[in-house]
Amino acid sequence: MDTETDNLLRGIILIVLLFAFLGMVAWAWSKKRKKDFEFMGELALDDDDKTHISTQKASQSTTQTTKITEG
């Protein structure tokens, strides 16, 4: 490949990666994710019993979802 083609390819890759990065930033800072992030932020401060129970509930929910989608 010649230099012009290399530079064009690098430019296209740069633009694609820039938009991917901006999309991830927008997703992470969206208001829809706030509730999830607040929950995860409080996990470190919760008692072990509460954390264990919430982890079990999340695990059961995932298992039920998997059974529904498989069945």
Protein backbone atom coordinates (compact mmCIF):
# COMPACT_ATOMS: atom_id res chain seq x y z
CA MET A 1 0.00 0.00 0.00
CA ASP A 2 1.15 3.50 -0.64
CA THR A 3 1.40 6.32 1.86
CA GLU A 4 -1.89 7.99 0.88
CA THR A 5 -3.85 4.78 1.40
CA ASP A 6 -2.14 4.18 4.77
CA ASN A 7 -2.99 7.67 5.96
CA LEU A 8 -6.60 7.36 4.79
CA LEU A 9 -6.97 4.02 6.59
CA ARG A 10 -5.47 5.46 9.77
CA GLY A 11 -7.84 8.42 9.58
CA ILE A 12 -10.89 6.19 9.15
CA ILE A 13 -9.81 3.98 12.07
CA LEU A 14 -9.26 7.09 14.19
CA ILE A 15 -12.76 8.39 13.45
CA VAL A 16 -14.37 5.01 14.18
CA LEU A 17 -12.53 4.67 17.50
CA LEU A 18 -13.35 8.25 18.46
CA PHE A 19 -17.07 7.66 17.91
CA ALA A 20 -16.89 4.36 19.81
CA PHE A 21 -15.25 6.13 22.74
CA LEU A 22 -17.78 8.96 22.73
CA GLY A 23 -20.61 6.41 22.56
CA MET A 24 -19.27 4.57 25.62
CA VAL A 25 -18.91 7.84 27.54
CA ALA A 26 -22.48 8.84 26.66
CA TRP A 27 -23.74 5.39 27.71
CA ALA A 28 -21.86 5.49 31.02
CA TRP A 29 -23.10 8.97 31.90
CA SER A 30 -26.70 8.45 30.77
CA LYS A 31 -29.45 8.90 33.33
CA LYS A 32 -30.64 5.33 32.73
CA ARG A 33 -27.40 3.99 34.25
CA LYS A 34 -27.46 6.23 37.34
CA LYS A 35 -29.57 3.82 39.41
CA ASP A 36 -27.26 0.89 38.61
CA PHE A 37 -24.12 2.86 39.40
CA GLU A 38 -25.54 4.10 42.70
CA PHE A 39 -26.39 0.52 43.67
CA MET A 40 -22.91 -0.72 42.77
CA GLY A 41 -21.31 2.21 44.59
CA GLU A 42 -23.14 1.33 47.79
CA LEU A 43 -22.16 -2.35 47.67
CA ALA A 44 -18.78 -1.61 49.25
CA LEU A 45 -20.48 0.19 52.13
CA ASP A 46 -23.16 -2.41 52.79
CA ASP A 47 -22.87 -5.13 55.38
CA ASP A 48 -21.71 -8.50 54.13
CA ASP A 49 -25.10 -10.07 54.89
CA LYS A 50 -26.97 -7.56 52.75
CA THR A 51 -24.44 -7.89 49.97
CA HIS A 52 -24.65 -11.67 50.08
CA ILE A 53 -28.46 -11.54 49.90
CA SER A 54 -28.47 -9.06 47.00
CA THR A 55 -25.89 -11.18 45.16
CA GLN A 56 -28.06 -14.27 45.65
CA LYS A 57 -31.12 -12.42 44.35
CA ALA A 58 -29.20 -11.23 41.30
CA SER A 59 -27.94 -14.75 40.71
CA GLN A 60 -31.45 -16.19 41.01
CA SER A 61 -32.79 -13.55 38.65
CA THR A 62 -30.12 -14.39 36.09
CA THR A 63 -30.84 -18.10 36.45
CA GLN A 64 -34.56 -17.53 35.96
CA THR A 65 -33.92 -15.39 32.90
CA THR A 66 -31.66 -18.07 31.46
CA LYS A 67 -34.31 -20.75 32.05
CA ILE A 68 -36.95 -18.60 30.37
CA THR A 69 -34.80 -17.95 27.32
CA GLU A 70 -33.69 -21.58 27.05
CA GLY A 71 -37.18 -23.03 27.55
